[in-house]
N, C-alpha and C. Protein backbone atom coordinates (compact mmCIF):
# COMPACT_ATOMS: atom_id res chain seq x y z
N GLY A 1 59.67 -31.02 7.74
CA GLY A 1 58.28 -30.92 8.24
C GLY A 1 58.23 -30.52 9.69
N GLU A 2 57.20 -29.80 10.02
CA GLU A 2 56.97 -29.36 11.40
C GLU A 2 56.50 -30.56 12.22
N ALA A 3 57.09 -30.76 13.38
CA ALA A 3 56.63 -31.82 14.28
C ALA A 3 55.24 -31.47 14.80
N THR A 4 54.42 -32.46 15.01
CA THR A 4 53.08 -32.23 15.55
C THR A 4 53.22 -31.67 16.96
N LYS A 5 52.51 -30.55 17.21
CA LYS A 5 52.54 -29.96 18.54
C LYS A 5 51.34 -30.49 19.32
N TYR A 6 51.60 -31.07 20.48
CA TYR A 6 50.51 -31.58 21.31
C TYR A 6 50.22 -30.59 22.42
N PRO A 7 48.94 -30.35 22.69
CA PRO A 7 48.63 -29.42 23.76
C PRO A 7 48.98 -30.01 25.12
N PRO A 8 49.30 -29.15 26.09
CA PRO A 8 49.57 -29.65 27.43
C PRO A 8 48.30 -30.28 28.04
N ILE A 9 48.50 -31.05 29.08
CA ILE A 9 47.40 -31.76 29.73
C ILE A 9 47.26 -31.27 31.17
N LEU A 10 46.03 -30.99 31.57
CA LEU A 10 45.75 -30.71 32.97
C LEU A 10 44.92 -31.88 33.46
N LEU A 11 45.51 -32.69 34.35
CA LEU A 11 44.85 -33.89 34.84
C LEU A 11 44.23 -33.63 36.21
N ASP A 12 42.94 -33.85 36.30
CA ASP A 12 42.21 -33.69 37.56
C ASP A 12 42.05 -35.06 38.20
N VAL A 13 42.77 -35.29 39.30
CA VAL A 13 42.63 -36.55 40.03
C VAL A 13 41.61 -36.31 41.14
N TYR A 14 40.51 -37.06 41.10
CA TYR A 14 39.38 -36.79 41.98
C TYR A 14 38.78 -38.10 42.51
N ALA A 15 37.78 -37.95 43.38
CA ALA A 15 36.98 -39.09 43.81
C ALA A 15 35.53 -38.61 43.89
N THR A 16 34.59 -39.52 43.64
CA THR A 16 33.17 -39.13 43.59
C THR A 16 32.67 -38.66 44.95
N TRP A 17 33.26 -39.16 46.04
CA TRP A 17 32.81 -38.83 47.40
C TRP A 17 33.46 -37.57 47.96
N CYS A 18 34.36 -36.96 47.19
CA CYS A 18 35.17 -35.84 47.69
C CYS A 18 34.47 -34.51 47.42
N GLY A 19 34.09 -33.81 48.49
CA GLY A 19 33.38 -32.53 48.39
C GLY A 19 34.10 -31.48 47.56
N PRO A 20 35.38 -31.19 47.90
CA PRO A 20 36.13 -30.19 47.12
C PRO A 20 36.22 -30.56 45.64
N CYS A 21 36.23 -31.87 45.34
CA CYS A 21 36.28 -32.32 43.94
C CYS A 21 35.00 -31.91 43.21
N GLN A 22 33.87 -32.02 43.92
CA GLN A 22 32.58 -31.63 43.34
C GLN A 22 32.57 -30.13 43.02
N PHE A 23 33.21 -29.35 43.91
CA PHE A 23 33.30 -27.90 43.69
C PHE A 23 34.15 -27.59 42.46
N LEU A 24 35.23 -28.35 42.31
CA LEU A 24 36.20 -28.08 41.25
C LEU A 24 35.66 -28.40 39.85
N ALA A 25 34.82 -29.44 39.76
CA ALA A 25 34.35 -29.91 38.44
C ALA A 25 33.77 -28.80 37.56
N PRO A 26 32.78 -28.01 38.04
CA PRO A 26 32.24 -26.95 37.16
C PRO A 26 33.26 -25.85 36.85
N GLN A 27 34.20 -25.61 37.78
CA GLN A 27 35.25 -24.61 37.53
C GLN A 27 36.12 -25.06 36.35
N LEU A 28 36.43 -26.35 36.33
CA LEU A 28 37.24 -26.91 35.24
C LEU A 28 36.48 -26.85 33.92
N GLU A 29 35.15 -27.08 33.99
CA GLU A 29 34.34 -27.02 32.76
C GLU A 29 34.37 -25.62 32.17
N MET A 30 34.25 -24.60 33.06
CA MET A 30 34.30 -23.21 32.58
C MET A 30 35.67 -22.91 31.98
N LEU A 31 36.70 -23.42 32.62
CA LEU A 31 38.06 -23.22 32.14
C LEU A 31 38.24 -23.86 30.76
N ALA A 32 37.72 -25.08 30.61
CA ALA A 32 37.83 -25.81 29.34
C ALA A 32 37.14 -25.03 28.22
N GLU A 33 35.97 -24.46 28.52
CA GLU A 33 35.26 -23.67 27.51
C GLU A 33 36.08 -22.47 27.10
N GLU A 34 36.72 -21.84 28.08
CA GLU A 34 37.48 -20.63 27.81
C GLU A 34 38.75 -20.94 27.02
N LEU A 35 39.43 -22.04 27.36
CA LEU A 35 40.72 -22.35 26.74
C LEU A 35 40.59 -23.07 25.41
N GLY A 36 39.46 -23.76 25.20
CA GLY A 36 39.31 -24.53 23.97
C GLY A 36 40.39 -25.59 23.86
N PRO A 37 40.97 -25.76 22.66
CA PRO A 37 41.94 -26.83 22.45
C PRO A 37 43.35 -26.52 22.95
N ALA A 38 43.55 -25.36 23.58
CA ALA A 38 44.90 -24.97 24.02
C ALA A 38 45.44 -25.90 25.10
N VAL A 39 44.55 -26.40 25.96
CA VAL A 39 44.94 -27.33 27.02
C VAL A 39 43.91 -28.45 27.06
N ARG A 40 44.39 -29.70 27.14
CA ARG A 40 43.46 -30.82 27.29
C ARG A 40 43.23 -31.06 28.78
N ILE A 41 41.97 -31.06 29.19
CA ILE A 41 41.65 -31.32 30.59
C ILE A 41 41.12 -32.74 30.70
N LEU A 42 41.83 -33.56 31.45
CA LEU A 42 41.44 -34.96 31.62
C LEU A 42 41.12 -35.22 33.09
N LYS A 43 40.24 -36.20 33.33
CA LYS A 43 39.86 -36.52 34.69
C LYS A 43 40.22 -37.96 35.01
N LEU A 44 40.70 -38.20 36.23
CA LEU A 44 41.07 -39.53 36.68
C LEU A 44 40.40 -39.82 38.02
N ASP A 45 39.50 -40.82 38.02
CA ASP A 45 38.83 -41.23 39.25
C ASP A 45 39.79 -42.10 40.05
N SER A 46 40.25 -41.58 41.19
CA SER A 46 41.30 -42.27 41.96
C SER A 46 40.79 -43.58 42.56
N ASP A 47 39.46 -43.73 42.69
CA ASP A 47 38.92 -45.00 43.20
C ASP A 47 38.91 -46.07 42.12
N LYS A 48 38.67 -45.66 40.88
CA LYS A 48 38.65 -46.61 39.77
C LYS A 48 40.06 -46.99 39.33
N TYR A 49 40.99 -46.03 39.48
CA TYR A 49 42.37 -46.26 39.04
C TYR A 49 43.36 -45.97 40.17
N PRO A 50 43.27 -46.74 41.27
CA PRO A 50 44.14 -46.46 42.42
C PRO A 50 45.63 -46.61 42.09
N ARG A 51 45.96 -47.55 41.17
CA ARG A 51 47.38 -47.73 40.83
C ARG A 51 47.95 -46.51 40.12
N LEU A 52 47.13 -45.92 39.23
CA LEU A 52 47.58 -44.71 38.54
C LEU A 52 47.75 -43.56 39.52
N ALA A 53 46.75 -43.41 40.42
CA ALA A 53 46.83 -42.34 41.41
C ALA A 53 48.07 -42.51 42.27
N SER A 54 48.40 -43.75 42.59
CA SER A 54 49.57 -44.00 43.42
C SER A 54 50.87 -43.79 42.63
N LEU A 55 50.86 -44.16 41.34
CA LEU A 55 52.02 -43.89 40.48
C LEU A 55 52.29 -42.39 40.39
N LEU A 56 51.20 -41.62 40.37
CA LEU A 56 51.32 -40.16 40.30
C LEU A 56 51.64 -39.55 41.66
N LYS A 57 51.71 -40.41 42.70
CA LYS A 57 52.01 -39.97 44.07
C LYS A 57 51.02 -38.90 44.55
N VAL A 58 49.75 -39.15 44.30
CA VAL A 58 48.71 -38.22 44.73
C VAL A 58 48.48 -38.39 46.23
N GLN A 59 48.59 -37.28 46.96
CA GLN A 59 48.41 -37.29 48.41
C GLN A 59 46.98 -36.91 48.79
N GLY A 60 46.55 -35.75 48.32
CA GLY A 60 45.23 -35.25 48.67
C GLY A 60 44.37 -35.09 47.44
N LEU A 61 43.06 -34.95 47.65
CA LEU A 61 42.13 -34.76 46.54
C LEU A 61 41.39 -33.44 46.70
N PRO A 62 41.07 -32.76 45.62
CA PRO A 62 41.55 -33.06 44.27
C PRO A 62 43.00 -32.64 44.09
N THR A 63 43.69 -33.30 43.19
CA THR A 63 45.03 -32.89 42.78
C THR A 63 45.00 -32.62 41.28
N LEU A 64 45.51 -31.47 40.89
CA LEU A 64 45.62 -31.13 39.47
C LEU A 64 47.09 -31.26 39.09
N VAL A 65 47.35 -32.05 38.06
CA VAL A 65 48.72 -32.25 37.60
C VAL A 65 48.82 -31.71 36.18
N TYR A 66 49.76 -30.81 35.96
CA TYR A 66 49.96 -30.21 34.64
C TYR A 66 51.13 -30.90 33.96
N PHE A 67 50.86 -31.47 32.78
CA PHE A 67 51.91 -32.12 31.98
C PHE A 67 52.14 -31.28 30.73
N ASP A 68 53.41 -31.16 30.33
CA ASP A 68 53.68 -30.51 29.04
C ASP A 68 53.16 -31.44 27.95
N GLY A 69 53.10 -30.99 26.75
CA GLY A 69 52.55 -31.81 25.69
C GLY A 69 53.51 -32.88 25.18
N GLY A 70 54.70 -32.95 25.77
CA GLY A 70 55.68 -33.93 25.32
C GLY A 70 56.43 -33.47 24.08
N ASN A 71 56.33 -32.16 23.80
CA ASN A 71 56.95 -31.65 22.57
C ASN A 71 58.47 -31.58 22.66
N ASN A 72 59.00 -31.52 23.91
CA ASN A 72 60.45 -31.42 24.08
C ASN A 72 61.12 -32.78 24.14
N SER A 73 60.33 -33.80 24.51
CA SER A 73 60.96 -35.09 24.81
C SER A 73 60.41 -36.21 23.92
N GLY A 74 60.23 -35.92 22.64
CA GLY A 74 59.83 -36.94 21.70
C GLY A 74 58.45 -37.52 21.94
N GLY A 75 57.52 -36.69 22.39
CA GLY A 75 56.14 -37.13 22.51
C GLY A 75 55.77 -37.72 23.86
N VAL A 76 56.70 -37.72 24.82
CA VAL A 76 56.38 -38.22 26.16
C VAL A 76 56.13 -37.02 27.06
N SER A 77 54.89 -36.92 27.58
CA SER A 77 54.55 -35.81 28.47
C SER A 77 55.26 -35.97 29.80
N SER A 78 55.76 -34.86 30.34
CA SER A 78 56.31 -34.93 31.69
C SER A 78 55.64 -33.89 32.57
N GLU A 79 55.58 -34.21 33.86
CA GLU A 79 54.91 -33.32 34.81
C GLU A 79 55.71 -32.05 34.97
N VAL A 80 55.01 -30.92 34.97
CA VAL A 80 55.66 -29.64 35.15
C VAL A 80 55.37 -29.11 36.56
N GLN A 81 54.11 -29.24 36.97
CA GLN A 81 53.70 -28.64 38.24
C GLN A 81 52.39 -29.29 38.68
N ARG A 82 52.11 -29.23 39.99
CA ARG A 82 50.83 -29.74 40.48
C ARG A 82 50.31 -28.84 41.59
N VAL A 83 49.03 -28.94 41.81
CA VAL A 83 48.42 -28.15 42.87
C VAL A 83 47.29 -28.99 43.48
N GLU A 84 47.12 -28.87 44.80
CA GLU A 84 46.08 -29.63 45.49
C GLU A 84 44.98 -28.69 45.94
N GLY A 85 43.74 -29.21 45.98
CA GLY A 85 42.63 -28.46 46.56
C GLY A 85 41.68 -27.90 45.52
N ALA A 86 40.55 -27.41 46.04
CA ALA A 86 39.49 -26.88 45.18
C ALA A 86 39.83 -25.45 44.79
N LEU A 87 40.12 -25.24 43.52
CA LEU A 87 40.44 -23.91 43.03
C LEU A 87 39.26 -23.32 42.28
N THR A 88 39.13 -22.00 42.35
CA THR A 88 38.14 -21.32 41.54
C THR A 88 38.70 -21.20 40.12
N LYS A 89 37.84 -20.83 39.17
CA LYS A 89 38.32 -20.69 37.79
C LYS A 89 39.45 -19.66 37.72
N GLY A 90 39.32 -18.58 38.47
CA GLY A 90 40.36 -17.55 38.50
C GLY A 90 41.70 -18.09 38.99
N GLN A 91 41.63 -18.91 40.04
CA GLN A 91 42.86 -19.51 40.59
C GLN A 91 43.45 -20.52 39.60
N LEU A 92 42.58 -21.21 38.87
CA LEU A 92 43.05 -22.16 37.86
C LEU A 92 43.82 -21.44 36.76
N VAL A 93 43.27 -20.29 36.32
CA VAL A 93 43.92 -19.49 35.28
C VAL A 93 45.28 -19.02 35.78
N GLU A 94 45.33 -18.58 37.06
CA GLU A 94 46.57 -18.12 37.67
C GLU A 94 47.61 -19.26 37.69
N PHE A 95 47.15 -20.44 38.09
CA PHE A 95 48.01 -21.62 38.14
C PHE A 95 48.58 -21.91 36.74
N LEU A 96 47.71 -21.91 35.73
CA LEU A 96 48.16 -22.19 34.36
C LEU A 96 49.14 -21.14 33.88
N ASN A 97 48.91 -19.88 34.22
CA ASN A 97 49.84 -18.82 33.82
C ASN A 97 51.21 -19.04 34.43
N THR A 98 51.25 -19.43 35.69
CA THR A 98 52.51 -19.71 36.39
C THR A 98 53.23 -20.87 35.71
N VAL A 99 52.46 -21.94 35.44
CA VAL A 99 53.03 -23.14 34.84
C VAL A 99 53.55 -22.85 33.44
N GLU A 100 52.78 -22.10 32.66
CA GLU A 100 53.21 -21.76 31.30
C GLU A 100 54.51 -20.97 31.36
N PHE A 101 54.63 -20.11 32.36
CA PHE A 101 55.84 -19.30 32.53
C PHE A 101 57.02 -20.23 32.83
N ILE A 102 56.82 -21.20 33.74
CA ILE A 102 57.87 -22.17 34.07
C ILE A 102 58.24 -22.96 32.81
N ASN A 103 57.23 -23.41 32.09
CA ASN A 103 57.41 -24.22 30.89
C ASN A 103 58.24 -23.47 29.84
N LYS A 104 57.92 -22.20 29.62
CA LYS A 104 58.63 -21.40 28.63
C LYS A 104 60.10 -21.24 29.01
N ARG A 105 60.36 -21.05 30.31
CA ARG A 105 61.75 -20.89 30.75
C ARG A 105 62.53 -22.18 30.55
N VAL A 106 61.87 -23.31 30.77
CA VAL A 106 62.51 -24.62 30.55
C VAL A 106 62.88 -24.77 29.08
N GLU A 107 61.92 -24.42 28.19
CA GLU A 107 62.16 -24.54 26.75
C GLU A 107 63.29 -23.63 26.30
N GLU A 108 63.31 -22.40 26.85
CA GLU A 108 64.34 -21.44 26.44
C GLU A 108 65.70 -21.82 26.97
N GLY A 109 65.72 -22.52 28.10
CA GLY A 109 66.99 -22.89 28.73
C GLY A 109 67.68 -24.05 28.06
N ARG A 110 66.98 -24.75 27.14
CA ARG A 110 67.60 -25.92 26.50
C ARG A 110 68.57 -25.52 25.40
């Protein structure tokens, strides 16, 4: 049987008081509409979950962390790449393309 393939995760670590985070939110929504189920976009309020934000070693806000779907490591997602700051939808697509390229090389190298 084919193992279940989980889509990668793009985690947006934000705060409600953060201006650049407010800018990023609609960009991510447009990206989510465009990508559909290919990537799961999740949001983490760093004020509500400070321990998680600190576990993720988040320095600045917003921080976007891209996790693989855990398909290589028995269902445990691992971080592939991260980027800080307010990105436009175009920059987000560029970031994902770079990350997907890194991810593919990792898979092929195993």
